[in-house]
Every structure is written in C-alpha cells, then in structure tokens.
Amino acid sequence: MTSRLSRFFAVSVGLPALLSCGAPPSGGEPTASSLVSSQAQALADSTPAATGVLAFLNDNSTTLSVLDNDVPLNALAAQGLIAWRAGPDGIEHTGDDRRFISIAQVDAVPNVGPAALADLEWYAKGTGRVTGLPLDALVGNFDGHDFTVAEARRALKAANTESGPTLATYGIPALAVQDILAARPLFNMVKLSRLTHVDFTALQQLKAATALAPEGDPCTGAGTCQPGLVCEGRPNDGSSNFGRCINTAPIPGDGDTCSVFAPCQAKLACHAVPSGYPEGWCRPAWMTGEFTRYADVSLPSTTTPVESTVAVVGLATVPEDILVELDLVHTAPHRLVLTLVDPGGDSALLWNGPAEGTPPSLISVTRGISRDASINGRWLLRVTNPSGVGSGTLRSWKVKLNSRWD
C-alpha cells in the first residue's frame, strides 16, 4: 500500500461522503450527515466498494471521456488511469494491456490521490456497480441528500413506476417530473440526480414520499415503517441507528421441530441445527442474520491485541446460534487466540491456537456467551498473539446469528 493511500485511509474518516448536486465528494462542501466513520475500510481490497471500483476501471467501456466527464475526475488522473491500463505501448486493446488488481495499484498512478479515490467510490456506488452492501449502507449524497441502499431502491422504483400526476402530488416540481418521465428507465442514483431539473427540492420530495419502509428494510424507530409493520432490533449502544421493519403476524409452523432432513415451512428458519444439534425448532426467518465486517486489519508481530467490531441490527432480543466465519491470513495462525465479545460484554474463547492449532474458517460458539444476553449492537472480535511470532491480516469476518425473544 502506498503512503498516499495510507494517508487517504487516515484522513478519510473526516472526509465528506459523496456530496451534493449530483457530483462526487470533491465537488461540494461537507455536511455532518454525510460523514462516514467506516470510510477507512471502504476501499480496502476485497470489500464491495473496492471490487466495484476495480471492475469499473477494468471495463473497456470506461473510457477517458467517462472518467473525465461522467465521474468526473481531474483530467490528469483520468489520463493516467487510461494510460496505465493501456500498458507500455500506450495503445488499448493490445497484448500488453493491464488490469487493476488492487486499490493500492490505482493510487500509485500519477495524479490519483484521496480526492480521485473518493470520486471513484462515489460514482461506482451511485451507478450500482457496488454489490453486496447491506440495505442500511450509505450509497452517497445526491443533490444534498444522503441515500441508503434501501432508500435509493425505493426512490428509483417510484421514479420509474409512478405516473406523472402521482409524482406531482409528491411535491416534485413540474419540470423535474417531465425530466423523470422522459428519462425512464432510471437505473441508478447518478442518472436521476443529474437530470436537468432534478435538484435538492425534487429529491427531497421524492425521498419523503417513499420514506415509509416496507418489510425487511431499515427503520429508525416508531412510525418509520409501512402500516402493519414494526421497527425491531435497533441497538441501544449507539453502534447503529437502524433496525428492520418486520411483520409480527403469526406464521404457520412457528415453533415446530425441524432438522436438516425436515426443513421449516416458508418464512421460517431452523434454529439450533447450525450449532450442531440433530433437531431444532422453527423461528421466523427475520430472526436470522449475517453481519460482515471488511476489516483489513493488520496483525503485526506483537503481543498487543487487535480488535474489530461489527454492528448487529434487526434481530429479536437474545441469541440462539452464534457462528463466526473468518477470512484471516497469517504466517503462524496456530499461535493466535481468538475471542468474541457480545454487546453486553459477555465473551467467548473462540479459539486457543497454542492448545488447539490453526483455527478453522467457521467456528460455532458453544461456550462463554449467555443465550440470555443482548444480541443487537456491537460485536467485537479480538485477535491476540501471546508469543508475538508471525504476522498477517484479518481481511474480514462475519457473525452468523439466530435469535429469539427473551
């Protein structure tokens, strides 16, 4: 990783994320709501954002004009990226063409720095090139408004399907309505926000009209879900502002016995079996969740513990099954001690490398954490190397949870 990219990660916690007027972050002034605390990991290799940016840059349809005019990047940065991709002969579509395989490689191109990286991330997210983001992840700031994945989907659905008179009843100005109707289909937020008459007011009205979340979408409290739904699983520890909209109506088969060979009915999931039991019981499917942290945390040759956290939202109140999936590379993995801490402070010794050897990629938590403890909130993975021998990287980790009401 170059020193410039390291500086980008260091300062970008305070960078404005994806700012206004249908422009990337370098084109506007920061707003408090558009600061993203997780930006330091956003473009770490193998994250959804990094994968999307690399795919965009490696696509032959991403021409100099696209980089210079559509993103838009500084002209010198755009020229440098195309020239690097063209290879030593400087001519595209020849045998020496190159592909970007890491964000550090992109950053090493002359005239590419923090502003260009932020612009590329904004454009990749805003045009839908970044997949695998959770519904409450920020897509970007468009015409002065932050949009999560779920909010962007709802806004674009309305823009593509509602009639002109209906859009007008939302309070969207007439000229903006005409632009939207003429531009259909609108597949991404960049295209929508860059329509001539779609401005702060138009997107404000569109976002407000589609604010009530359907089942499964993120919510922030009472009155933010559609009628008949409740906002469940919003953490109390400040790790996230979001819960999930759920339907609490009874589901046939809830509480029935299940197994690998006797699965639950639709809208239900089999609990206890993931922990290794031969039989379990059926619970509503919304009580199951997977939460990933793209950590990209260095594990140096030191005895100092390294920690990474992930926010769990939208589940019931207490855990039933807890599994941890690791993407970890290390020169001496058998020396590592792994600990998981739940939102209430209960801890479980996941793996004791000195006694148990190299940790597997998937670990079922069967000790340490109470099944009556809190589940929504900040979960922490601690990696310790008591001997200080060996080094590596915690690239990502995932906690898989089944919950129940306490």
Protein backbone atom coordinates (compact mmCIF):
# COMPACT_ATOMS: atom_id res chain seq x y z
CA MET A 1 0.00 0.00 0.00
CA THR A 2 1.46 3.37 -0.93
CA SER A 3 2.00 6.15 1.56
CA ARG A 4 -0.63 8.24 -0.25
CA LEU A 5 -3.24 5.53 0.18
CA SER A 6 -2.32 5.18 3.84
CA ARG A 7 -2.87 8.91 4.25
CA PHE A 8 -6.21 8.57 2.45
CA PHE A 9 -7.36 5.94 4.93
CA ALA A 10 -6.09 8.05 7.82
CA VAL A 11 -7.87 11.26 6.87
CA SER A 12 -10.96 9.96 5.09
CA VAL A 13 -12.83 9.30 8.35
CA GLY A 14 -13.35 13.04 8.23
CA LEU A 15 -13.97 13.31 4.51
CA PRO A 16 -17.44 14.19 3.27
CA ALA A 17 -19.00 11.14 1.74
CA LEU A 18 -20.49 11.62 -1.65
CA LEU A 19 -21.69 15.16 -1.77
CA SER A 20 -24.34 17.26 -3.45
CA CYS A 21 -25.59 18.41 -6.83
CA GLY A 22 -25.16 15.01 -8.44
CA ALA A 23 -21.40 15.44 -8.04
CA PRO A 24 -18.77 13.29 -6.35
CA PRO A 25 -17.38 14.27 -2.95
CA SER A 26 -14.67 16.60 -4.20
CA GLY A 27 -17.34 18.80 -5.78
CA GLY A 28 -19.08 20.13 -2.66
CA GLU A 29 -18.82 21.20 0.96
CA PRO A 30 -19.05 18.64 3.78
CA THR A 31 -22.27 18.14 5.71
CA ALA A 32 -22.47 16.49 9.12
CA SER A 33 -24.85 13.78 7.95
CA SER A 34 -22.55 12.72 5.14
CA LEU A 35 -19.53 11.82 7.26
CA VAL A 36 -18.95 8.06 7.17
CA SER A 37 -16.97 6.64 10.07
CA SER A 38 -16.28 3.37 8.23
CA GLN A 39 -14.63 5.10 5.27
CA ALA A 40 -11.20 3.88 6.38
CA GLN A 41 -12.24 0.36 5.35
CA ALA A 42 -14.46 1.30 2.41
CA LEU A 43 -11.80 0.83 -0.25
CA ALA A 44 -9.83 -1.95 1.43
CA ASP A 45 -9.11 -4.73 -1.05
CA SER A 46 -11.89 -7.32 -1.45
CA THR A 47 -14.54 -5.04 0.05
CA PRO A 48 -17.66 -4.46 -2.06
CA ALA A 49 -16.62 -0.85 -2.76
CA ALA A 50 -13.11 -1.80 -3.85
CA THR A 51 -14.38 -4.64 -6.02
CA GLY A 52 -16.84 -2.28 -7.70
CA VAL A 53 -14.23 0.41 -8.34
CA LEU A 54 -11.77 -2.09 -9.83
CA ALA A 55 -14.46 -3.62 -12.05
CA PHE A 56 -15.37 -0.14 -13.27
CA LEU A 57 -11.78 0.79 -14.07
CA ASN A 58 -11.12 -2.52 -15.84
CA ASP A 59 -14.24 -2.29 -18.00
CA ASN A 60 -13.35 -1.39 -21.61
CA SER A 61 -16.45 0.80 -21.74
CA THR A 62 -14.84 3.01 -19.07
CA THR A 63 -13.14 5.38 -21.49
CA LEU A 64 -11.19 8.58 -20.95
CA SER A 65 -14.38 10.50 -21.65
CA VAL A 66 -16.27 8.57 -18.94
CA LEU A 67 -13.58 9.20 -16.34
CA ASP A 68 -13.03 12.82 -17.33
CA ASN A 69 -16.62 13.89 -17.93
CA ASP A 70 -19.00 11.46 -16.23
CA VAL A 71 -17.33 10.77 -12.88
CA PRO A 72 -15.73 13.40 -13.30
CA LEU A 73 -12.07 13.04 -12.34
CA ASN A 74 -9.26 15.53 -12.68
CA ALA A 75 -8.17 15.31 -16.33
CA LEU A 76 -4.63 14.27 -15.44
CA ALA A 77 -5.86 11.50 -13.15
CA ALA A 78 -8.23 10.23 -15.85
CA GLN A 79 -5.45 10.25 -18.45
CA GLY A 80 -3.09 8.45 -16.08
CA LEU A 81 -5.58 5.66 -15.35
CA ILE A 82 -6.27 5.02 -19.03
CA ALA A 83 -2.57 5.17 -19.88
CA TRP A 84 -1.71 2.64 -17.17
CA ARG A 85 -4.47 0.31 -18.34
CA ALA A 86 -3.20 0.56 -21.95
CA GLY A 87 0.18 -0.85 -20.95
CA PRO A 88 3.71 0.04 -22.08
CA ASP A 89 2.77 0.54 -25.75
CA GLY A 90 0.16 3.17 -24.79
CA ILE A 91 -2.44 1.58 -27.09
CA GLU A 92 -5.59 -0.04 -25.74
CA HIS A 93 -6.85 -3.47 -26.80
CA THR A 94 -3.37 -4.84 -27.47
CA GLY A 95 -1.47 -7.72 -25.88
CA ASP A 96 0.22 -5.66 -23.17
CA ASP A 97 -2.97 -4.15 -21.71
CA ARG A 98 -3.14 -4.34 -17.90
CA ARG A 99 -5.84 -4.81 -15.28
CA PHE A 100 -6.01 -3.12 -11.90
CA ILE A 101 -6.00 -5.75 -9.18
CA SER A 102 -5.80 -3.57 -6.05
CA ILE A 103 -6.72 -0.09 -4.86
CA ALA A 104 -3.05 0.49 -3.96
CA GLN A 105 -2.25 -0.05 -7.64
CA VAL A 106 -4.86 2.56 -8.60
CA ASP A 107 -3.49 5.01 -6.05
CA ALA A 108 0.04 4.58 -7.41
CA VAL A 109 -0.99 6.07 -10.78
CA PRO A 110 0.30 9.67 -11.05
CA ASN A 111 -2.25 12.35 -10.09
CA VAL A 112 -4.54 9.81 -8.38
CA GLY A 113 -4.95 10.55 -4.69
CA PRO A 114 -7.61 10.81 -1.96
CA ALA A 115 -9.97 13.03 -3.99
CA ALA A 116 -9.88 10.76 -7.05
CA LEU A 117 -10.36 7.62 -4.94
CA ALA A 118 -13.36 9.19 -3.19
CA ASP A 119 -14.83 10.28 -6.54
CA LEU A 120 -14.41 6.79 -7.98
CA GLU A 121 -16.09 5.22 -4.97
CA TRP A 122 -19.00 7.69 -5.18
CA TYR A 123 -19.51 7.01 -8.88
CA ALA A 124 -19.21 3.22 -8.53
CA LYS A 125 -21.75 3.15 -5.70
CA GLY A 126 -24.08 5.69 -7.26
CA THR A 127 -24.22 3.83 -10.59
CA GLY A 128 -24.91 0.48 -8.93
CA ARG A 129 -21.53 -1.11 -9.61
CA VAL A 130 -21.05 -1.99 -5.94
CA THR A 131 -22.95 -5.11 -4.90
CA GLY A 132 -23.19 -6.83 -1.54
CA LEU A 133 -23.83 -3.69 0.51
CA PRO A 134 -26.29 -4.01 3.42
CA LEU A 135 -29.59 -2.21 3.00
CA ASP A 136 -28.64 0.46 5.54
CA ALA A 137 -25.28 1.20 3.89
CA LEU A 138 -24.83 4.71 2.51
CA VAL A 139 -24.87 4.83 -1.28
CA GLY A 140 -23.99 8.50 -1.41
CA ASN A 141 -25.15 12.08 -1.14
CA PHE A 142 -27.15 13.30 -4.14
CA ASP A 143 -28.33 16.89 -4.50
CA GLY A 144 -27.71 17.38 -0.80
CA HIS A 145 -29.47 14.24 0.46
CA ASP A 146 -27.93 11.06 1.84
CA PHE A 147 -29.45 7.85 0.46
CA THR A 148 -29.01 4.36 1.86
CA VAL A 149 -29.30 1.34 -0.43
CA ALA A 150 -32.91 0.81 0.65
CA GLU A 151 -33.84 4.48 0.21
CA ALA A 152 -32.26 4.59 -3.25
CA ARG A 153 -34.18 1.49 -4.32
CA ARG A 154 -37.49 2.96 -3.16
CA ALA A 155 -36.84 6.34 -4.76
CA LEU A 156 -35.87 4.81 -8.11
CA LYS A 157 -38.84 2.46 -8.05
CA ALA A 158 -41.19 5.41 -7.61
CA ALA A 159 -39.40 7.43 -10.27
CA ASN A 160 -39.76 4.55 -12.74
CA THR A 161 -43.30 3.41 -11.99
CA GLU A 162 -45.44 6.25 -10.67
CA SER A 163 -47.47 8.34 -13.07
CA GLY A 164 -46.75 11.99 -13.74
CA PRO A 165 -49.77 13.16 -11.70
CA THR A 166 -48.71 10.97 -8.78
CA LEU A 167 -45.16 12.32 -8.84
CA ALA A 168 -46.64 15.81 -8.88
CA THR A 169 -48.67 15.03 -5.74
CA TYR A 170 -45.36 14.27 -4.02
CA GLY A 171 -44.50 17.95 -4.45
CA ILE A 172 -41.89 17.33 -7.17
CA PRO A 173 -41.72 20.40 -9.44
CA ALA A 174 -43.35 20.03 -12.87
CA LEU A 175 -40.14 20.38 -14.86
CA ALA A 176 -38.46 17.72 -12.74
CA VAL A 177 -41.43 15.39 -13.30
CA GLN A 178 -41.10 15.90 -17.04
CA ASP A 179 -37.39 15.08 -16.89
CA ILE A 180 -38.04 11.92 -14.89
CA LEU A 181 -40.74 10.66 -17.26
CA ALA A 182 -38.59 11.37 -20.31
CA ALA A 183 -35.52 9.63 -18.85
CA ARG A 184 -37.18 6.36 -17.86
CA PRO A 185 -35.93 3.78 -17.10
CA LEU A 186 -33.65 5.21 -14.42
CA PHE A 187 -31.33 2.52 -13.12
CA ASN A 188 -29.13 4.46 -10.74
CA MET A 189 -28.95 7.50 -8.50
CA VAL A 190 -26.28 9.29 -10.53
CA LYS A 191 -28.53 9.38 -13.60
CA LEU A 192 -31.53 10.51 -11.55
CA SER A 193 -29.66 13.27 -9.72
CA ARG A 194 -28.08 14.63 -12.90
CA LEU A 195 -31.35 15.26 -14.73
CA THR A 196 -31.53 18.94 -15.56
CA HIS A 197 -34.37 19.94 -13.25
CA VAL A 198 -33.91 17.31 -10.53
CA ASP A 199 -32.43 19.31 -7.66
CA PHE A 200 -32.42 19.50 -3.87
CA THR A 201 -36.19 20.08 -3.72
CA ALA A 202 -37.12 17.35 -6.18
CA LEU A 203 -35.08 14.67 -4.40
CA GLN A 204 -36.23 15.92 -1.00
CA GLN A 205 -39.86 15.40 -2.03
CA LEU A 206 -39.17 12.03 -3.66
CA LYS A 207 -37.29 10.78 -0.60
CA ALA A 208 -40.04 11.98 1.74
CA ALA A 209 -42.78 10.35 -0.34
CA THR A 210 -41.03 6.98 -0.19
CA ALA A 211 -39.82 7.27 3.40
CA LEU A 212 -42.02 4.57 4.98
CA ALA A 213 -40.03 1.36 4.79
CA PRO A 214 -41.52 -1.97 3.65
CA GLU A 215 -40.93 -5.30 5.36
CA GLY A 216 -37.23 -6.09 5.72
CA ASP A 217 -35.99 -2.56 5.06
CA PRO A 218 -34.06 -0.48 7.61
CA CYS A 219 -36.02 1.72 10.02
CA THR A 220 -35.08 4.20 12.70
CA GLY A 221 -37.98 3.91 15.12
CA ALA A 222 -41.73 4.02 15.51
CA GLY A 223 -43.56 5.48 12.53
CA THR A 224 -40.79 4.79 10.01
CA CYS A 225 -42.26 1.51 8.69
CA GLN A 226 -45.28 0.96 6.48
CA PRO A 227 -48.62 0.26 8.21
CA GLY A 228 -48.82 -3.15 9.85
CA LEU A 229 -45.07 -3.35 10.46
CA VAL A 230 -42.93 -2.58 13.50
CA CYS A 231 -39.31 -1.43 13.77
CA GLU A 232 -37.43 -4.21 15.54
CA GLY A 233 -33.83 -4.72 16.62
CA ARG A 234 -32.49 -1.19 16.84
CA PRO A 235 -29.36 -1.33 19.07
CA ASN A 236 -29.25 0.56 22.33
CA ASP A 237 -25.47 1.02 22.34
CA GLY A 238 -25.23 3.55 19.50
CA SER A 239 -23.50 1.12 17.14
CA SER A 240 -26.21 1.71 14.52
CA ASN A 241 -29.24 3.95 14.05
CA PHE A 242 -31.17 1.24 12.24
CA GLY A 243 -33.45 -1.68 12.98
CA ARG A 244 -35.58 -3.63 10.49
CA CYS A 245 -39.27 -3.42 9.62
CA ILE A 246 -40.94 -6.71 10.45
CA ASN A 247 -44.41 -8.23 10.36
CA THR A 248 -45.27 -9.71 13.75
CA ALA A 249 -48.31 -11.63 12.49
CA PRO A 250 -48.24 -15.36 13.41
CA ILE A 251 -46.60 -17.68 10.85
CA PRO A 252 -47.91 -21.25 10.47
CA GLY A 253 -45.29 -23.71 11.70
CA ASP A 254 -43.56 -21.33 14.09
CA GLY A 255 -42.20 -23.47 16.95
CA ASP A 256 -42.36 -26.76 15.05
CA THR A 257 -39.47 -29.21 15.27
CA CYS A 258 -37.08 -29.25 12.30
CA SER A 259 -33.85 -30.85 11.09
CA VAL A 260 -31.60 -30.99 8.05
CA PHE A 261 -33.99 -33.57 6.62
CA ALA A 262 -37.22 -31.92 7.80
CA PRO A 263 -36.92 -28.21 6.97
CA CYS A 264 -39.27 -25.49 8.13
CA GLN A 265 -42.13 -24.07 6.13
CA ALA A 266 -41.80 -20.87 4.10
CA LYS A 267 -40.83 -17.71 6.02
CA LEU A 268 -39.27 -19.80 8.81
CA ALA A 269 -35.71 -20.87 9.62
CA CYS A 270 -34.44 -23.88 11.59
CA HIS A 271 -32.57 -22.88 14.74
CA ALA A 272 -30.18 -24.99 16.87
CA VAL A 273 -29.15 -27.20 13.92
CA PRO A 274 -26.41 -24.68 12.91
CA SER A 275 -24.87 -25.24 16.36
CA GLY A 276 -24.62 -28.98 15.73
CA TYR A 277 -27.85 -30.30 17.22
CA PRO A 278 -29.66 -33.05 15.26
CA GLU A 279 -33.01 -31.34 15.76
CA GLY A 280 -34.09 -27.77 16.25
CA TRP A 281 -37.15 -25.58 16.09
CA CYS A 282 -38.62 -23.24 13.54
CA ARG A 283 -38.49 -19.48 14.07
CA PRO A 284 -39.49 -16.56 11.81
CA ALA A 285 -36.85 -16.09 9.12
CA TRP A 286 -36.29 -12.44 10.06
CA MET A 287 -34.77 -13.68 13.35
CA THR A 288 -31.77 -14.94 11.34
CA GLY A 289 -28.99 -12.66 10.13
CA GLU A 290 -25.41 -12.48 8.85
CA PHE A 291 -23.27 -9.41 9.52
CA THR A 292 -19.91 -8.88 7.83
CA ARG A 293 -17.01 -6.62 8.71
CA TYR A 294 -14.48 -5.99 5.96
CA ALA A 295 -11.77 -5.30 8.48
CA ASP A 296 -8.48 -5.26 6.53
CA VAL A 297 -6.75 -5.14 9.93
CA SER A 298 -3.02 -5.77 10.14
CA LEU A 299 -1.88 -8.47 12.58
CA PRO A 300 1.72 -7.48 13.32
CA SER A 301 4.38 -9.47 15.17
CA THR A 302 3.36 -8.18 18.57
CA THR A 303 1.52 -9.37 21.67
CA THR A 304 -0.82 -6.35 21.56
CA PRO A 305 -4.42 -7.49 20.90
CA VAL A 306 -6.09 -6.38 17.67
CA GLU A 307 -9.84 -5.72 17.67
CA SER A 308 -12.55 -5.35 15.04
CA THR A 309 -16.27 -4.69 15.53
CA VAL A 310 -19.47 -5.20 13.57
CA ALA A 311 -22.96 -3.85 14.32
CA VAL A 312 -25.82 -6.37 14.51
CA VAL A 313 -29.32 -4.99 13.90
CA GLY A 314 -32.86 -6.13 13.22
CA LEU A 315 -32.94 -9.38 15.20
CA ALA A 316 -35.06 -10.40 18.19
CA THR A 317 -33.55 -9.92 21.66
CA VAL A 318 -31.24 -12.83 22.55
CA PRO A 319 -29.05 -15.29 20.59
CA GLU A 320 -29.67 -18.97 19.96
CA ASP A 321 -26.99 -19.86 17.40
CA ILE A 322 -23.70 -17.96 17.10
CA LEU A 323 -21.20 -18.76 14.38
CA VAL A 324 -18.13 -16.79 13.34
CA GLU A 325 -16.64 -17.01 9.84
CA LEU A 326 -13.06 -15.80 9.37
CA ASP A 327 -11.04 -14.61 6.39
CA LEU A 328 -7.65 -14.48 8.06
CA VAL A 329 -4.15 -14.97 6.66
CA HIS A 330 -1.19 -15.38 8.98
CA THR A 331 2.29 -16.87 8.91
CA ALA A 332 1.71 -18.63 12.26
CA PRO A 333 -2.06 -18.98 12.70
CA HIS A 334 -1.63 -21.75 15.30
CA ARG A 335 -0.27 -19.11 17.70
CA LEU A 336 -3.42 -16.94 17.63
CA VAL A 337 -6.04 -16.68 20.36
CA LEU A 338 -9.47 -15.50 19.18
CA THR A 339 -12.14 -14.04 21.47
CA LEU A 340 -15.68 -12.90 20.67
CA VAL A 341 -17.44 -10.28 22.82
CA ASP A 342 -21.20 -9.65 22.59
CA PRO A 343 -22.94 -6.24 23.01
CA GLY A 344 -23.47 -6.84 26.72
CA GLY A 345 -19.84 -7.65 27.42
CA ASP A 346 -20.08 -11.45 27.63
CA SER A 347 -17.04 -13.06 25.99
CA ALA A 348 -16.32 -16.44 24.45
CA LEU A 349 -12.95 -18.00 23.75
CA LEU A 350 -13.43 -18.79 20.08
CA TRP A 351 -10.11 -20.49 19.52
CA ASN A 352 -6.95 -21.11 21.53
CA GLY A 353 -4.29 -21.61 18.89
CA PRO A 354 -1.43 -22.68 21.22
CA ALA A 355 -3.64 -25.52 22.52
CA GLU A 356 -5.90 -26.22 19.51
CA GLY A 357 -3.77 -25.44 16.45
CA THR A 358 -4.75 -23.48 13.35
CA PRO A 359 -8.27 -22.00 13.62
CA PRO A 360 -10.86 -23.17 11.08
CA SER A 361 -12.65 -20.66 8.87
CA LEU A 362 -16.02 -21.30 10.59
CA ILE A 363 -16.35 -21.59 14.37
CA SER A 364 -19.54 -22.37 16.28
CA VAL A 365 -19.73 -20.57 19.61
CA THR A 366 -20.81 -23.07 22.22
CA ARG A 367 -19.27 -21.55 25.35
CA GLY A 368 -18.89 -18.24 27.15
CA ILE A 369 -21.74 -16.12 25.75
CA SER A 370 -25.08 -16.40 27.51
CA ARG A 371 -28.13 -17.27 25.43
CA ASP A 372 -30.00 -14.71 27.52
CA ALA A 373 -27.62 -11.85 26.63
CA SER A 374 -28.33 -8.97 24.25
CA ILE A 375 -27.86 -9.61 20.53
CA ASN A 376 -28.44 -6.30 18.73
CA GLY A 377 -25.47 -3.98 18.98
CA ARG A 378 -21.70 -4.03 18.72
CA TRP A 379 -19.97 -7.43 18.49
CA LEU A 380 -16.21 -7.47 18.89
CA LEU A 381 -13.60 -9.92 17.61
CA ARG A 382 -10.26 -9.80 19.45
CA VAL A 383 -7.15 -11.42 17.97
CA THR A 384 -4.21 -11.94 20.33
CA ASN A 385 -0.80 -13.42 19.61
CA PRO A 386 0.70 -14.28 23.03
CA SER A 387 4.05 -15.26 21.54
CA GLY A 388 4.31 -12.27 19.20
CA VAL A 389 5.58 -14.62 16.49
CA GLY A 390 4.27 -14.31 12.93
CA SER A 391 2.20 -11.66 11.18
CA GLY A 392 -0.76 -11.41 8.84
CA THR A 393 -4.09 -9.72 8.12
CA LEU A 394 -7.66 -10.11 9.30
CA ARG A 395 -9.25 -9.41 5.93
CA SER A 396 -12.85 -9.84 7.04
CA TRP A 397 -15.04 -11.67 9.49
CA LYS A 398 -18.72 -12.48 9.73
CA VAL A 399 -21.01 -13.28 12.63
CA LYS A 400 -23.99 -15.50 11.79
CA LEU A 401 -26.81 -15.33 14.32
CA ASN A 402 -30.14 -16.93 15.04
CA SER A 403 -32.21 -15.10 17.65
CA ARG A 404 -35.34 -15.46 19.74
CA TRP A 405 -37.45 -13.38 22.09
CA ASP A 406 -36.29 -13.48 25.70
